[in-house]
Protein backbone atom coordinates (compact mmCIF):
# COMPACT_ATOMS: atom_id res chain seq x y z
CA MET A 1 2.21 -21.81 18.81
CA LYS A 2 3.32 -21.25 15.21
CA GLY A 3 0.52 -23.47 13.94
CA GLN A 4 -2.00 -21.54 16.00
CA MET A 5 -0.73 -18.26 14.51
CA ASN A 6 -1.07 -19.66 10.97
CA VAL A 7 -4.66 -20.72 11.69
CA GLU A 8 -5.45 -17.29 13.17
CA HIS A 9 -3.81 -15.58 10.16
CA ALA A 10 -5.88 -17.70 7.76
CA SER A 11 -9.03 -16.88 9.71
CA LEU A 12 -8.25 -13.15 9.60
CA SER A 13 -7.53 -13.32 5.87
CA GLU A 14 -10.90 -14.97 5.25
CA LYS A 15 -12.67 -12.32 7.31
CA ILE A 16 -10.90 -9.51 5.43
CA ASP A 17 -11.84 -11.07 2.09
CA ALA A 18 -15.48 -11.36 3.19
CA LEU A 19 -15.53 -7.71 4.31
CA THR A 20 -13.99 -6.59 1.02
CA VAL A 21 -16.75 -8.36 -0.90
CA LYS A 22 -19.38 -6.73 1.34
CA MET A 23 -17.81 -3.29 0.82
CA ASP A 24 -17.83 -3.78 -2.95
CA LEU A 25 -21.53 -4.69 -2.85
CA VAL A 26 -22.40 -1.67 -0.70
CA LEU A 27 -20.49 0.65 -3.03
CA GLN A 28 -22.29 -0.77 -6.06
CA GLN A 29 -25.67 -0.37 -4.34
CA LYS A 30 -24.88 3.23 -3.40
CA GLY A 31 -23.83 4.06 -6.94
CA GLY A 32 -20.11 3.88 -6.32
CA ALA A 33 -17.78 3.32 -9.21
CA SER A 34 -18.22 -0.11 -10.68
CA TYR A 35 -15.56 -1.42 -12.98
CA GLY A 36 -15.80 -4.55 -15.01
CA SER A 37 -13.75 -7.59 -14.30
CA GLU A 38 -11.52 -6.59 -17.23
CA TYR A 39 -9.81 -4.02 -14.99
CA GLU A 40 -9.82 -6.14 -11.87
CA SER A 41 -8.17 -9.04 -13.64
CA LEU A 42 -5.85 -6.94 -15.80
CA HIS A 43 -3.04 -6.84 -13.22
CA LYS A 44 -2.57 -8.91 -10.09
CA LEU A 45 -2.05 -6.55 -7.18
CA PRO A 46 0.02 -6.23 -5.14
CA ALA A 47 2.64 -6.53 -7.87
CA THR A 48 5.36 -9.10 -7.25
CA SER A 49 7.68 -8.09 -10.08
CA GLU A 50 8.96 -4.92 -11.66
CA ARG A 51 7.45 -6.04 -14.96
CA ASN A 52 3.96 -6.20 -13.40
CA LEU A 53 4.39 -2.79 -11.77
CA LEU A 54 5.61 -1.26 -15.05
CA ALA A 55 2.48 -2.61 -16.75
CA VAL A 56 0.30 -0.88 -14.12
CA GLU A 57 2.32 2.33 -14.59
CA HIS A 58 1.79 2.13 -18.37
CA ASP A 59 -1.94 1.51 -18.09
CA ILE A 60 -2.41 4.41 -15.67
CA GLU A 61 -0.75 6.67 -18.22
CA VAL A 62 -2.66 5.56 -21.32
CA ASP A 63 -6.07 4.54 -19.98
CA LEU A 64 -8.10 7.09 -17.99
CA LYS A 65 -10.67 4.44 -17.00
CA TYR A 66 -7.92 2.24 -15.59
CA ARG A 67 -6.56 5.21 -13.63
CA GLU A 68 -10.03 5.79 -12.16
CA PHE A 69 -10.32 2.09 -11.36
CA LEU A 70 -6.93 2.07 -9.60
CA ILE A 71 -7.77 5.13 -7.49
CA ASP A 72 -11.09 3.54 -6.52
CA TYR A 73 -9.28 0.24 -5.77
CA LEU A 74 -6.82 2.03 -3.48
CA LYS A 75 -9.54 4.03 -1.72
CA LYS A 76 -11.30 0.79 -0.79
CA ARG A 77 -8.15 -0.78 0.62
CA TYR A 78 -6.93 1.67 3.16
CA SER A 79 -7.93 3.13 6.46
CA THR A 80 -10.38 5.96 6.45
CA PHE A 81 -9.39 9.44 7.46
CA LEU A 82 -10.79 11.00 10.55
CA PRO A 83 -12.31 14.17 9.08
CA GLY A 84 -12.42 17.01 11.52
CA SER A 85 -10.15 15.11 13.90
CA ALA A 86 -8.88 17.07 16.84
CA GLY A 87 -5.27 17.82 16.27
CA LYS A 88 -2.57 17.83 13.66
CA GLU A 89 -0.89 14.66 14.95
CA GLN A 90 -3.95 12.53 14.30
CA GLY A 91 -4.23 13.90 10.76
CA ALA A 92 -0.55 13.19 10.13
CA ALA A 93 -0.96 9.65 11.44
CA SER A 94 -3.97 9.14 9.16
CA PHE A 95 -2.01 10.46 6.19
CA THR A 96 0.90 8.13 6.94
CA ARG A 97 -1.40 5.15 7.37
CA CYS A 98 -3.23 5.88 4.12
CA VAL A 99 -0.04 6.20 2.06
CA ASN A 100 1.32 3.02 3.66
CA ASP A 101 -1.89 1.13 2.89
CA CYS A 102 -1.78 2.30 -0.73
CA CYS A 103 1.81 1.04 -1.01
CA VAL A 104 0.82 -2.32 0.50
CA ALA A 105 -1.98 -2.62 -2.06
CA LEU A 106 0.36 -1.87 -4.98
CA LEU A 107 3.56 -3.83 -4.35
CA THR A 108 4.94 -6.55 -2.11
CA ASN A 109 7.62 -5.87 0.49
CA GLU A 110 10.05 -8.06 -1.45
CA LEU A 111 9.55 -5.93 -4.56
CA ALA A 112 9.76 -2.69 -2.55
CA THR A 113 13.25 -3.63 -1.33
CA MET A 114 14.52 -3.05 -4.89
CA TYR A 115 13.64 0.66 -4.77
CA SER A 116 14.30 3.89 -2.99
CA MET A 117 12.45 7.04 -3.93
CA THR A 118 15.50 8.73 -5.49
CA GLY A 119 17.68 5.70 -6.27
CA ARG A 120 20.62 7.01 -4.26
CA SER A 121 20.40 4.34 -1.59
CA HIS A 122 22.66 1.28 -1.95
CA GLY A 123 22.37 1.10 -5.74
CA LYS A 124 18.58 0.81 -5.65
CA THR A 125 16.37 1.86 -8.55
CA ALA A 126 14.73 5.28 -8.39
CA PHE A 127 11.01 4.68 -7.89
CA SER A 128 10.14 8.30 -8.66
CA THR A 129 11.75 8.06 -12.09
CA LYS A 130 10.19 4.73 -13.10
CA PHE A 131 6.73 5.18 -11.58
CA PRO A 132 5.68 8.86 -11.56
CA ASN A 133 2.07 7.99 -12.45
CA LEU A 134 1.75 5.59 -9.52
CA ILE A 135 2.96 8.30 -7.16
CA HIS A 136 0.46 10.74 -8.65
CA ALA A 137 -2.35 8.15 -8.34
CA ILE A 138 -1.55 7.64 -4.65
CA CYS A 139 -1.53 11.41 -4.12
CA LEU A 140 -4.96 11.72 -5.80
CA THR A 141 -6.28 8.80 -3.78
CA VAL A 142 -5.18 10.34 -0.48
CA LYS A 143 -6.66 13.72 -1.46
CA GLU A 144 -9.99 12.18 -2.47
CA LYS A 145 -10.19 10.00 0.62
CA GLY A 146 -9.07 12.90 2.80
CA GLU A 147 -12.27 14.77 2.01
CA GLY A 148 -10.56 18.15 2.08
CA VAL A 149 -9.16 17.67 5.59
CA ILE A 150 -5.73 16.61 4.39
CA ASP A 151 -4.33 17.93 1.11
CA PRO A 152 -0.83 16.46 0.74
CA SER A 153 1.63 17.61 -1.86
CA ILE A 154 3.39 15.21 -4.21
CA HIS A 155 6.55 15.87 -2.19
CA GLU A 156 4.86 14.75 1.05
CA VAL A 157 3.52 11.59 -0.59
CA ARG A 158 6.93 10.82 -2.13
CA SER A 159 8.60 11.29 1.25
CA ARG A 160 6.18 8.95 3.02
CA MET A 161 6.47 6.34 0.24
CA GLY A 162 10.26 6.57 0.44
CA GLU A 163 10.14 5.80 4.17
CA TRP A 164 7.79 2.87 3.53
CA MET A 165 10.24 1.46 0.96
CA ARG A 166 13.18 1.98 3.31
CA GLN A 167 11.43 -0.11 5.97
CA ALA A 168 10.35 -2.85 3.52
CA VAL A 169 13.36 -5.06 4.25
CA ARG A 170 12.20 -5.39 7.87
CA ARG A 171 8.77 -6.59 6.73
CA THR A 172 10.03 -9.34 4.40
CA GLU A 173 10.09 -12.93 5.65
CA ALA A 174 13.90 -12.83 5.71
CA GLY A 175 13.84 -9.61 7.74
CA LYS A 176 11.36 -11.06 10.21
CA ALA A 177 13.46 -14.23 10.59
CA ALA A 178 16.61 -12.15 11.23
CA ARG A 179 14.83 -10.13 13.92
CA MET A 180 13.51 -13.30 15.58
CA ALA A 181 17.03 -14.80 15.61
CA SER A 182 18.36 -11.60 17.15
CA TYR A 183 15.66 -11.63 19.84
CA GLU A 184 16.39 -15.29 20.62
CA ALA A 185 20.11 -14.54 20.93
CA LEU A 186 19.35 -11.70 23.36
CA LYS A 187 17.18 -14.00 25.45
CA LEU A 188 19.93 -16.62 25.62
CA ARG A 189 22.48 -14.04 26.72
CA ALA A 190 20.12 -12.80 29.43
CA LEU A 191 19.94 -16.30 30.95
């Protein structure tokens, strides 16, 4: 069963990669922002180390073109909003999903476990202090993608990102293995 899941995961990854390439081509044909490979290859995203993420933070601050590239990169990699959706709950769910998808595109779960938004949690580093430009870029991305339907404040984005970071430990391989072991133990006790 595990082998079948790995094959299915690989198949899904290939399909996602193919769709990303198609989206990039469509955007270029429609006059969407096109950035040279110098920006795409500048930093490997999602970042796997604090050093890599600090480099992205620095480049966002000093290079306006890189900031535009990053916002465009994030807009392509997350779920679309549902403009004019019926109801506040659906808009809130879209906002949450978009912020989460931006976080996934920027840093790995393993790296996210090192941070909390304020740094007060279990001796973690304050993300808001080290990466204010990344937070601002995510806020701009959500606003642009939201097409005026959702206009989140920096505080709302920071809050959602903080929750995503708090949950990161559950999404790591170690966290998944611990949950599986717990489920197996519960099954054995039930027998």
